[in-house]
Protein backbone atom coordinates (compact mmCIF):
# COMPACT_ATOMS: atom_id res chain seq x y z
CA MET A 1 80.11 114.54 114.87
CA ASP A 2 79.72 111.27 116.79
CA CYS A 3 82.30 108.70 117.06
CA VAL A 4 81.07 105.35 115.37
CA ASP A 5 82.22 101.70 115.77
CA HIS A 6 83.60 99.94 112.77
CA PRO A 7 84.89 96.52 111.70
CA ILE A 8 88.53 97.57 112.33
CA GLY A 9 89.03 100.58 114.34
CA ARG A 10 86.87 103.83 115.34
CA PHE A 11 86.23 106.39 113.45
CA TYR A 12 84.49 110.04 113.86
CA GLY A 13 81.96 111.34 111.33
CA ARG A 14 79.71 109.51 108.67
CA MET A 15 80.76 106.20 107.30
CA ARG A 16 78.22 106.25 104.55
CA SER A 17 76.68 109.14 102.58
CA GLY A 18 73.96 107.03 101.03
CA LYS A 19 72.23 103.87 100.19
CA LEU A 20 74.17 101.41 98.25
CA THR A 21 73.34 100.12 94.52
CA SER A 22 72.19 96.44 94.36
CA ASP A 23 75.34 95.90 92.42
CA GLN A 24 77.59 97.37 95.14
CA GLU A 25 75.61 95.31 98.23
CA ARG A 26 76.54 92.04 95.83
CA LEU A 27 80.20 93.14 95.75
CA PHE A 28 80.42 93.65 99.09
CA LYS A 29 79.20 90.24 99.82
CA SER A 30 81.51 88.38 96.92
CA LEU A 31 84.27 90.15 96.25
CA LEU A 32 85.35 92.13 98.99
CA PRO A 33 86.14 89.06 101.27
CA ASN A 34 88.31 88.00 98.08
CA VAL A 35 90.44 91.22 98.21
CA SER A 36 90.31 92.89 101.47
CA LEU A 37 93.04 92.66 104.20
CA THR A 38 92.60 92.52 108.27
CA SER A 39 96.37 92.56 108.80
CA PHE A 40 99.52 92.67 107.29
CA SER A 41 99.81 88.81 107.82
CA ASP A 42 97.42 88.42 104.91
CA LEU A 43 99.71 89.63 102.57
CA LYS A 44 102.29 86.81 102.85
CA ASP A 45 101.51 85.28 99.46
CA ASP A 46 101.61 88.55 97.73
CA LEU A 47 104.82 89.48 99.03
CA GLN A 48 106.88 87.45 96.91
CA LYS A 49 104.51 87.82 93.76
CA TYR A 50 104.95 91.73 93.20
CA LYS A 51 107.63 93.66 93.12
CA ALA A 52 106.86 96.70 95.06
CA ILE A 53 103.88 97.60 97.40
CA PHE A 54 102.19 101.03 97.66
CA ILE A 55 99.54 102.27 100.19
CA GLU A 56 96.80 104.66 99.41
CA VAL A 57 95.28 106.07 102.53
CA GLY A 58 91.54 107.21 101.99
CA PHE A 59 91.25 106.41 98.59
CA GLY A 60 87.83 108.12 97.97
CA CYS A 61 86.21 106.64 95.21
CA GLY A 62 89.42 104.78 94.07
CA GLU A 63 89.97 106.39 91.04
CA HIS A 64 93.49 107.18 91.32
CA ILE A 65 94.49 103.64 93.16
CA ALA A 66 92.78 101.95 90.23
CA GLN A 67 94.30 104.03 87.64
CA LEU A 68 97.93 103.13 88.96
CA ALA A 69 97.08 99.60 89.57
CA THR A 70 96.10 99.43 86.03
CA LEU A 71 99.25 101.19 84.84
CA HIS A 72 101.64 99.33 86.90
CA LYS A 73 100.57 95.59 87.05
CA ASP A 74 103.74 94.56 88.55
CA SER A 75 103.12 96.18 91.58
CA LEU A 76 100.68 95.77 94.58
CA PHE A 77 98.08 98.57 95.86
CA ILE A 78 96.50 98.76 98.90
CA GLY A 79 93.79 100.96 99.29
CA CYS A 80 92.61 101.85 102.93
CA GLU A 81 89.25 103.46 103.34
CA ALA A 82 86.68 103.59 106.35
CA PHE A 83 83.92 104.92 104.16
CA VAL A 84 81.24 102.46 102.80
CA ASN A 85 80.82 104.17 99.69
CA GLY A 86 84.30 104.59 98.65
CA VAL A 87 84.97 100.58 99.15
CA ALA A 88 81.98 100.07 96.81
CA ALA A 89 82.92 102.45 94.26
CA LEU A 90 86.24 100.86 94.47
CA LEU A 91 84.89 97.26 94.07
CA VAL A 92 82.95 98.24 91.12
CA LYS A 93 86.34 99.41 89.17
CA ILE A 94 87.91 96.34 90.34
CA GLU A 95 85.52 94.15 88.61
CA LYS A 96 84.71 96.09 85.55
CA PHE A 97 88.22 96.44 84.70
CA ASN A 98 89.32 93.23 85.96
CA ILE A 99 91.98 94.49 88.56
CA GLU A 100 94.06 91.91 90.40
CA ASN A 101 96.81 94.20 91.94
CA ILE A 102 94.50 95.54 94.51
CA ARG A 103 94.21 95.23 98.13
CA ILE A 104 91.52 96.87 100.57
CA PHE A 105 92.02 97.41 104.15
CA TYR A 106 88.70 98.42 105.44
CA GLY A 107 89.43 100.41 108.22
CA ASP A 108 92.00 103.06 109.56
CA ALA A 109 94.99 102.97 107.79
CA ARG A 110 97.61 103.36 110.81
CA LEU A 111 96.50 100.25 112.13
CA LEU A 112 97.57 98.45 109.08
CA ILE A 113 100.86 100.53 108.40
CA SER A 114 101.79 99.90 111.87
CA GLU A 115 102.63 96.16 111.24
CA ILE A 116 104.24 96.42 108.34
CA PRO A 117 107.91 95.77 108.43
CA ASP A 118 110.30 98.81 108.42
CA GLY A 119 111.89 99.42 104.89
CA LEU A 120 109.01 97.63 102.62
CA LEU A 121 106.83 100.11 100.86
CA GLU A 122 107.80 101.89 97.80
CA GLY A 123 105.43 104.89 98.27
CA VAL A 124 102.37 106.00 100.39
CA PHE A 125 99.78 108.29 98.83
CA ILE A 126 97.38 110.74 101.25
CA LEU A 127 95.71 112.69 98.73
CA PHE A 128 92.84 115.47 99.73
CA PRO A 129 92.19 113.94 103.07
CA ASP A 130 89.46 115.11 105.35
CA PRO A 131 90.43 118.94 106.84
CA TRP A 132 89.06 118.79 110.32
CA PRO A 133 88.70 122.58 109.99
CA LYS A 134 87.45 123.13 113.26
CA ARG A 135 90.55 123.88 115.69
CA ARG A 136 89.09 121.19 118.17
CA HIS A 137 89.46 118.52 115.68
CA ILE A 138 92.59 119.13 114.45
CA LYS A 139 94.20 116.17 116.47
CA ARG A 140 91.68 114.00 113.83
CA ARG A 141 93.75 114.75 111.15
CA ILE A 142 95.81 112.03 109.48
CA LEU A 143 98.88 113.96 108.97
CA GLN A 144 100.53 114.49 112.24
CA SER A 145 103.96 114.31 113.31
CA ASP A 146 103.54 110.65 114.52
CA THR A 147 102.20 109.65 111.47
CA ILE A 148 105.07 111.35 109.59
CA ALA A 149 107.28 109.25 111.42
CA MET A 150 105.72 106.01 110.95
CA ILE A 151 105.14 106.28 107.64
CA HIS A 152 109.06 107.36 106.78
CA SER A 153 109.98 104.33 108.92
CA LYS A 154 108.20 101.76 106.84
CA LEU A 155 109.26 103.51 103.16
CA LYS A 156 112.09 102.13 101.38
CA ASP A 157 115.25 104.45 100.77
CA GLY A 158 114.10 106.76 98.03
CA GLY A 159 110.58 105.41 98.62
CA ILE A 160 108.05 108.32 98.40
CA LEU A 161 105.05 109.76 100.27
CA ARG A 162 102.73 111.97 98.33
CA ILE A 163 100.02 114.62 99.71
CA ALA A 164 97.50 116.65 98.13
CA THR A 165 94.84 119.09 99.60
CA ASP A 166 93.05 122.11 98.21
CA HIS A 167 92.35 123.05 101.87
CA PRO A 168 93.96 126.42 102.42
CA GLU A 169 94.38 125.58 106.09
CA TYR A 170 95.44 122.27 105.85
CA GLN A 171 97.96 123.52 103.21
CA LEU A 172 99.63 126.03 106.25
CA TRP A 173 99.55 122.71 108.65
CA ILE A 174 101.36 120.42 105.86
CA LYS A 175 104.03 123.03 105.03
CA ARG A 176 104.76 123.30 108.93
CA LEU A 177 105.21 119.72 109.23
CA ILE A 178 107.53 119.91 106.19
CA THR A 179 109.65 122.70 108.14
CA HIS A 180 109.34 121.06 111.49
CA ASP A 181 109.10 117.25 111.16
CA MET A 182 109.84 116.03 107.31
CA ALA A 183 113.15 118.31 106.84
CA ASN A 184 115.58 115.89 108.19
CA MET A 185 113.84 112.54 106.73
CA PHE A 186 112.40 113.75 103.39
CA GLU A 187 113.64 115.34 100.36
CA VAL A 188 110.69 117.52 99.84
CA LYS A 189 109.42 118.68 96.47
CA SER A 190 106.30 120.94 96.19
CA PHE A 191 103.79 121.43 92.93
CA ASP A 192 101.03 123.55 92.12
CA ARG A 193 98.32 122.42 89.12
CA SER A 194 100.98 123.79 86.55
CA THR A 195 103.95 121.83 87.74
CA ARG A 196 102.32 118.39 89.20
CA PRO A 197 103.73 115.10 88.12
CA ASP A 198 102.44 113.41 84.80
CA GLU A 199 99.68 111.06 84.67
CA GLN A 200 101.51 108.25 84.32
CA SER A 201 102.82 108.49 88.16
CA TRP A 202 100.08 110.54 89.50
CA PRO A 203 96.62 110.20 87.81
CA THR A 204 94.06 112.83 87.89
CA THR A 205 90.73 112.29 89.74
CA ARG A 206 87.49 114.10 89.29
CA TYR A 207 87.35 115.61 92.52
CA GLU A 208 90.94 117.00 91.76
CA CYS A 209 89.54 118.41 88.43
CA LYS A 210 86.46 120.26 90.22
CA ALA A 211 88.91 121.68 92.99
CA THR A 212 88.06 125.22 93.11
CA ASP A 213 90.87 126.49 95.74
CA ASP A 214 94.76 126.26 94.58
CA ILE A 215 95.93 122.50 95.21
CA LEU A 216 99.22 122.02 96.77
CA TYR A 217 101.10 119.08 95.92
CA VAL A 218 103.90 117.43 97.83
CA GLU A 219 106.31 114.67 96.83
CA ALA A 220 108.75 113.69 99.82
CA SER A 221 111.52 111.10 99.05
CA ARG A 222 112.84 109.15 102.01
CA ARG A 223 116.49 110.28 102.50
CA ARG A 224 118.92 107.32 101.49
CA VAL A 225 121.08 106.42 104.22
């Protein structure tokens, strides 16, 4: 896949899967400027308003983040997504359900996370990321040793990192990261479909329901110091 230019950062692969509806085009022009972030400094007014801040990396169609924001209105949820259609789908949900506690970073989540002060975040969610299954593309996976270390530094003591994937090879990759990179930084619990956390804390999405392979769920809590 070709690497393409993007408003924030550079990305590999397709950024769009189809034409946006007229309603989505409208929301890109009218709503996105009101809820979007270009840097951490854009959050200065929100930091005093909400008791906790969470980030979802690659929110897909926005089901998970929209449900969490509706359930926990005293917290701020930042969704990071480079895929045009995903951003459009979340904008529709924000307008439909009048959600006020979501901000969108339209770009590479790592750029935003790197700006966040250490110990600020309550949680980070990386759910069903692109597996990049070809060996030569593994370096493009969001879950890498340096990303894990960066997220760890931004979490509060006891803050959580949640990961899920239904891709068998990516599951092995994550298990290696747990063993070699996360063991000293996090207390890690793994789940399957039958033991996953409840809907209040970890809403189910349509993608998750349709997944045909076994799903690995990981909840890693930053060790308290």
